[in-house]
C-alpha atoms as a PDB file:
ATOM      1  CA  UNK A   1      41.927 -51.828 -23.236  1.00  0.00           C
ATOM      2  CA  UNK A   2      42.234 -49.146 -20.557  1.00  0.00           C
ATOM      3  CA  UNK A   3      45.308 -46.973 -20.950  1.00  0.00           C
ATOM      4  CA  UNK A   4      46.771 -45.634 -17.724  1.00  0.00           C
ATOM      5  CA  UNK A   5      47.590 -41.955 -17.792  1.00  0.00           C
ATOM      6  CA  UNK A   6      49.712 -39.834 -15.475  1.00  0.00           C
ATOM      7  CA  UNK A   7      49.786 -40.198 -11.683  1.00  0.00           C
ATOM      8  CA  UNK A   8      47.052 -37.947 -10.300  1.00  0.00           C
ATOM      9  CA  UNK A   9      47.684 -38.357  -6.591  1.00  0.00           C
ATOM     10  CA  UNK A  10      50.044 -40.091  -4.184  1.00  0.00           C
ATOM     11  CA  UNK A  11      48.783 -41.080  -0.738  1.00  0.00           C
ATOM     12  CA  UNK A  12      51.079 -40.788   2.256  1.00  0.00           C
ATOM     13  CA  UNK A  13      49.944 -42.336   5.564  1.00  0.00           C
ATOM     14  CA  UNK A  14      50.299 -40.129   8.643  1.00  0.00           C
ATOM     15  CA  UNK A  15      49.642 -40.356  12.391  1.00  0.00           C
ATOM     16  CA  UNK A  16      49.219 -36.671  13.331  1.00  0.00           C
ATOM     17  CA  UNK A  17      47.536 -34.327  10.832  1.00  0.00           C
ATOM     18  CA  UNK A  18      48.783 -31.042  12.327  1.00  0.00           C
ATOM     19  CA  UNK A  19      52.381 -32.232  12.670  1.00  0.00           C
ATOM     20  CA  UNK A  20      52.375 -33.617   9.123  1.00  0.00           C
ATOM     21  CA  UNK A  21      50.906 -30.416   7.643  1.00  0.00           C
ATOM     22  CA  UNK A  22      53.593 -28.389   9.390  1.00  0.00           C
ATOM     23  CA  UNK A  23      56.378 -30.640   8.038  1.00  0.00           C
ATOM     24  CA  UNK A  24      55.238 -30.655   4.402  1.00  0.00           C
ATOM     25  CA  UNK A  25      54.197 -26.980   4.368  1.00  0.00           C
ATOM     26  CA  UNK A  26      56.907 -25.345   6.474  1.00  0.00           C
ATOM     27  CA  UNK A  27      59.950 -27.598   6.024  1.00  0.00           C
ATOM     28  CA  UNK A  28      59.410 -28.948   2.496  1.00  0.00           C
ATOM     29  CA  UNK A  29      57.682 -25.706   1.410  1.00  0.00           C
ATOM     30  CA  UNK A  30      54.999 -27.467  -0.610  1.00  0.00           C
ATOM     31  CA  UNK A  31      51.824 -25.447  -1.268  1.00  0.00           C
ATOM     32  CA  UNK A  32      48.878 -26.632   0.838  1.00  0.00           C
ATOM     33  CA  UNK A  33      45.837 -26.930  -1.427  1.00  0.00           C
ATOM     34  CA  UNK A  34      43.286 -27.710   1.304  1.00  0.00           C
ATOM     35  CA  UNK A  35      42.788 -29.905   4.350  1.00  0.00           C
ATOM     36  CA  UNK A  36      40.114 -31.604   6.449  1.00  0.00           C
ATOM     37  CA  UNK A  37      40.258 -33.109   9.939  1.00  0.00           C
ATOM     38  CA  UNK A  38      41.853 -36.312   8.589  1.00  0.00           C
ATOM     39  CA  UNK A  39      43.503 -35.338   5.278  1.00  0.00           C
ATOM     40  CA  UNK A  40      45.710 -32.649   3.738  1.00  0.00           C
ATOM     41  CA  UNK A  41      46.399 -32.108   0.052  1.00  0.00           C
ATOM     42  CA  UNK A  42      49.593 -30.541  -1.287  1.00  0.00           C
ATOM     43  CA  UNK A  43      50.760 -29.634  -4.778  1.00  0.00           C
ATOM     44  CA  UNK A  44      54.143 -30.963  -5.891  1.00  0.00           C
ATOM     45  CA  UNK A  45      54.667 -29.648  -9.424  1.00  0.00           C
ATOM     46  CA  UNK A  46      51.188 -30.750 -10.573  1.00  0.00           C
ATOM     47  CA  UNK A  47      51.207 -34.060  -8.660  1.00  0.00           C
ATOM     48  CA  UNK A  48      48.855 -33.982  -5.690  1.00  0.00           C
ATOM     49  CA  UNK A  49      50.143 -35.457  -2.418  1.00  0.00           C
ATOM     50  CA  UNK A  50      47.419 -36.641  -0.061  1.00  0.00           C
ATOM     51  CA  UNK A  51      48.420 -36.951   3.586  1.00  0.00           C
ATOM     52  CA  UNK A  52      45.844 -39.084   5.319  1.00  0.00           C
ATOM     53  CA  UNK A  53      45.121 -40.650   8.676  1.00  0.00           C
ATOM     54  CA  UNK A  54      44.546 -44.346   7.848  1.00  0.00           C
ATOM     55  CA  UNK A  55      40.882 -45.301   7.489  1.00  0.00           C
ATOM     56  CA  UNK A  56      41.683 -48.963   8.203  1.00  0.00           C
ATOM     57  CA  UNK A  57      44.646 -51.029   9.422  1.00  0.00           C
ATOM     58  CA  UNK A  58      45.388 -51.922   5.781  1.00  0.00           C
ATOM     59  CA  UNK A  59      46.606 -48.371   5.127  1.00  0.00           C
ATOM     60  CA  UNK A  60      48.829 -47.856   8.204  1.00  0.00           C
ATOM     61  CA  UNK A  61      52.124 -48.976   6.600  1.00  0.00           C
ATOM     62  CA  UNK A  62      54.762 -46.535   5.439  1.00  0.00           C
ATOM     63  CA  UNK A  63      54.381 -45.122   1.946  1.00  0.00           C
ATOM     64  CA  UNK A  64      56.547 -45.576  -1.118  1.00  0.00           C
ATOM     65  CA  UNK A  65      59.728 -43.518  -1.222  1.00  0.00           C
ATOM     66  CA  UNK A  66      59.070 -40.179  -2.925  1.00  0.00           C
ATOM     67  CA  UNK A  67      62.052 -38.773  -4.822  1.00  0.00           C
ATOM     68  CA  UNK A  68      61.843 -34.975  -4.978  1.00  0.00           C
ATOM     69  CA  UNK A  69      63.841 -33.513  -7.889  1.00  0.00           C
ATOM     70  CA  UNK A  70      65.955 -30.465  -6.954  1.00  0.00           C
ATOM     71  CA  UNK A  71      68.416 -28.372  -8.962  1.00  0.00           C
ATOM     72  CA  UNK A  72      71.162 -28.150  -6.326  1.00  0.00           C
ATOM     73  CA  UNK A  73      71.086 -31.125  -3.957  1.00  0.00           C
ATOM     74  CA  UNK A  74      73.843 -29.853  -1.654  1.00  0.00           C
ATOM     75  CA  UNK A  75      72.185 -26.454  -1.208  1.00  0.00           C
ATOM     76  CA  UNK A  76      68.728 -28.031  -0.699  1.00  0.00           C
ATOM     77  CA  UNK A  77      70.193 -30.477   1.826  1.00  0.00           C
ATOM     78  CA  UNK A  78      71.827 -27.640   3.792  1.00  0.00           C
ATOM     79  CA  UNK A  79      68.701 -25.476   3.801  1.00  0.00           C
ATOM     80  CA  UNK A  80      66.390 -28.314   4.822  1.00  0.00           C
ATOM     81  CA  UNK A  81      68.805 -29.569   7.497  1.00  0.00           C
ATOM     82  CA  UNK A  82      68.888 -26.031   8.978  1.00  0.00           C
ATOM     83  CA  UNK A  83      65.086 -26.121   9.180  1.00  0.00           C
ATOM     84  CA  UNK A  84      65.220 -29.371  11.142  1.00  0.00           C
ATOM     85  CA  UNK A  85      64.602 -32.051   8.502  1.00  0.00           C
ATOM     86  CA  UNK A  86      65.989 -35.385   9.739  1.00  0.00           C
ATOM     87  CA  UNK A  87      68.352 -36.757   7.085  1.00  0.00           C
ATOM     88  CA  UNK A  88      69.470 -40.398   7.062  1.00  0.00           C
ATOM     89  CA  UNK A  89      72.644 -39.739   5.081  1.00  0.00           C
ATOM     90  CA  UNK A  90      74.466 -37.031   3.134  1.00  0.00           C
ATOM     91  CA  UNK A  91      74.195 -36.210  -0.586  1.00  0.00           C
ATOM     92  CA  UNK A  92      76.022 -38.895  -2.541  1.00  0.00           C
ATOM     93  CA  UNK A  93      76.401 -40.214  -6.080  1.00  0.00           C
ATOM     94  CA  UNK A  94      74.245 -43.264  -6.829  1.00  0.00           C
ATOM     95  CA  UNK A  95      74.952 -43.555 -10.569  1.00  0.00           C
ATOM     96  CA  UNK A  96      77.313 -42.226 -13.232  1.00  0.00           C
ATOM     97  CA  UNK A  97      76.226 -42.341 -16.873  1.00  0.00           C
ATOM     98  CA  UNK A  98      78.322 -40.811 -19.643  1.00  0.00           C
ATOM     99  CA  UNK A  99      77.926 -37.095 -18.924  1.00  0.00           C
ATOM    100  CA  UNK A 100      75.496 -37.260 -15.978  1.00  0.00           C
ATOM    101  CA  UNK A 101      75.776 -38.062 -12.279  1.00  0.00           C
ATOM    102  CA  UNK A 102      72.688 -38.917 -10.245  1.00  0.00           C
ATOM    103  CA  UNK A 103      72.886 -37.745  -6.630  1.00  0.00           C
ATOM    104  CA  UNK A 104      70.520 -38.590  -3.764  1.00  0.00           C
ATOM    105  CA  UNK A 105      70.053 -37.979  -0.072  1.00  0.00           C
ATOM    106  CA  UNK A 106      67.361 -39.636   2.063  1.00  0.00           C
ATOM    107  CA  UNK A 107      65.306 -38.119   4.892  1.00  0.00           C
ATOM    108  CA  UNK A 108      62.420 -38.997   7.189  1.00  0.00           C
ATOM    109  CA  UNK A 109      59.220 -37.058   7.564  1.00  0.00           C
ATOM    110  CA  UNK A 110      57.580 -36.648  10.966  1.00  0.00           C
ATOM    111  CA  UNK A 111      55.311 -39.649  10.331  1.00  0.00           C
ATOM    112  CA  UNK A 112      57.960 -42.349   9.767  1.00  0.00           C
ATOM    113  CA  UNK A 113      58.010 -42.203   5.966  1.00  0.00           C
ATOM    114  CA  UNK A 114      61.318 -42.118   4.093  1.00  0.00           C
ATOM    115  CA  UNK A 115      61.727 -39.771   1.114  1.00  0.00           C
ATOM    116  CA  UNK A 116      64.683 -38.482  -0.890  1.00  0.00           C
ATOM    117  CA  UNK A 117      66.043 -35.500  -2.732  1.00  0.00           C
ATOM    118  CA  UNK A 118      67.552 -36.276  -6.104  1.00  0.00           C
ATOM    119  CA  UNK A 119      69.512 -34.274  -8.624  1.00  0.00           C
ATOM    120  CA  UNK A 120      70.985 -35.113 -11.995  1.00  0.00           C
ATOM    121  CA  UNK A 121      74.181 -33.183 -12.624  1.00  0.00           C
ATOM    122  CA  UNK A 122      75.948 -32.778 -15.936  1.00  0.00           C
ATOM    123  CA  UNK A 123      79.696 -33.499 -15.684  1.00  0.00           C
END
């Protein structure tokens, strides 16, 4: 039986390679590993994000929601909002468990994909 291992790469569909590279590199501050005319690869704490112009119609739909872990969600929200990231809402509690609160805030990238910041805070 084949055992699945860790996630090696997550594909994110895009419409404009230059605009998408600028968003992920300059606004999200993810390190750009390399790019081609139709793809760009970023490192997100050892998970590779592949931004790609769709090869076929099958791959033109929006991607899964990526939840980026941050230490201070309110500070990250403020800094990213200042840079021009388009947030859908404000940081808010989504779950309370014993001594931990899970906070999230959702935003859109320049290509129509929705992502989120998340933070788990000890209370």
